[in-house]
C-alpha cells in the first residue's frame, strides 16, 4: 500500500514539474549576418604598346 502511494506521488510530482507554464510559442530565430559583397579580382594592367 505504501509503495502504491509512493509511486503515485513520484508520478504526480514528475508530471506536475514538466513543461513550461503559459501559452506555447515558437521563439524567433536569430538574425542572419549580412554577407559581405565579393570584391572582383584585380585586373593586370594592359599595355598599349604591342610587340609586332
Protein backbone atom coordinates (compact mmCIF):
# COMPACT_ATOMS: atom_id res chain seq x y z
CA UNK A 1 0.00 0.00 0.00
CA UNK A 2 2.77 2.45 0.90
CA UNK A 3 4.56 1.53 -2.34
CA UNK A 4 1.49 2.47 -4.38
CA UNK A 5 1.18 5.83 -2.62
CA UNK A 6 4.90 6.50 -3.08
CA UNK A 7 4.78 5.58 -6.78
CA UNK A 8 1.70 7.76 -7.28
CA UNK A 9 3.46 10.66 -5.53
CA UNK A 10 6.54 10.29 -7.75
CA UNK A 11 4.41 10.21 -10.90
CA UNK A 12 2.38 13.22 -9.75
CA UNK A 13 5.50 15.28 -8.96
CA UNK A 14 7.12 14.30 -12.28
CA UNK A 15 4.04 15.29 -14.26
CA UNK A 16 3.50 18.49 -12.30
CA UNK A 17 7.09 19.62 -12.92
CA UNK A 18 7.11 19.01 -16.68
CA UNK A 19 6.79 21.75 -19.22
CA UNK A 20 6.56 25.49 -19.22
CA UNK A 21 3.53 27.20 -17.77
CA UNK A 22 1.65 29.60 -20.00
CA UNK A 23 0.93 29.55 -23.71
CA UNK A 24 3.27 27.79 -26.11
CA UNK A 25 5.12 29.86 -28.69
CA UNK A 26 7.84 29.49 -31.27
CA UNK A 27 10.89 31.64 -30.48
CA UNK A 28 12.03 34.00 -33.21
CA UNK A 29 15.15 32.75 -35.00
CA UNK A 30 18.32 34.84 -34.62
CA UNK A 31 19.03 37.30 -37.43
CA UNK A 32 21.48 36.03 -40.03
CA UNK A 33 24.53 38.23 -40.62
CA UNK A 34 24.57 40.02 -43.97
CA UNK A 35 27.17 38.57 -46.35
CA UNK A 36 29.93 40.93 -47.41
CA UNK A 37 29.91 41.75 -51.14
CA UNK A 38 32.51 39.89 -53.13
CA UNK A 39 35.36 42.05 -54.44
CA UNK A 40 36.24 41.25 -58.07
CA UNK A 41 39.88 40.24 -58.61
CA UNK A 42 42.22 42.99 -59.74
CA UNK A 43 42.87 43.02 -63.48
CA UNK A 44 46.53 43.21 -64.59
CA UNK A 45 47.46 46.49 -66.27
CA UNK A 46 47.04 46.42 -70.05
CA UNK A 47 49.90 47.95 -72.01
CA UNK A 48 49.09 49.96 -75.11
CA UNK A 49 52.31 49.04 -76.89
CA UNK A 50 52.01 45.70 -78.66
CA UNK A 51 55.14 43.94 -79.93
CA UNK A 52 54.83 43.10 -83.61
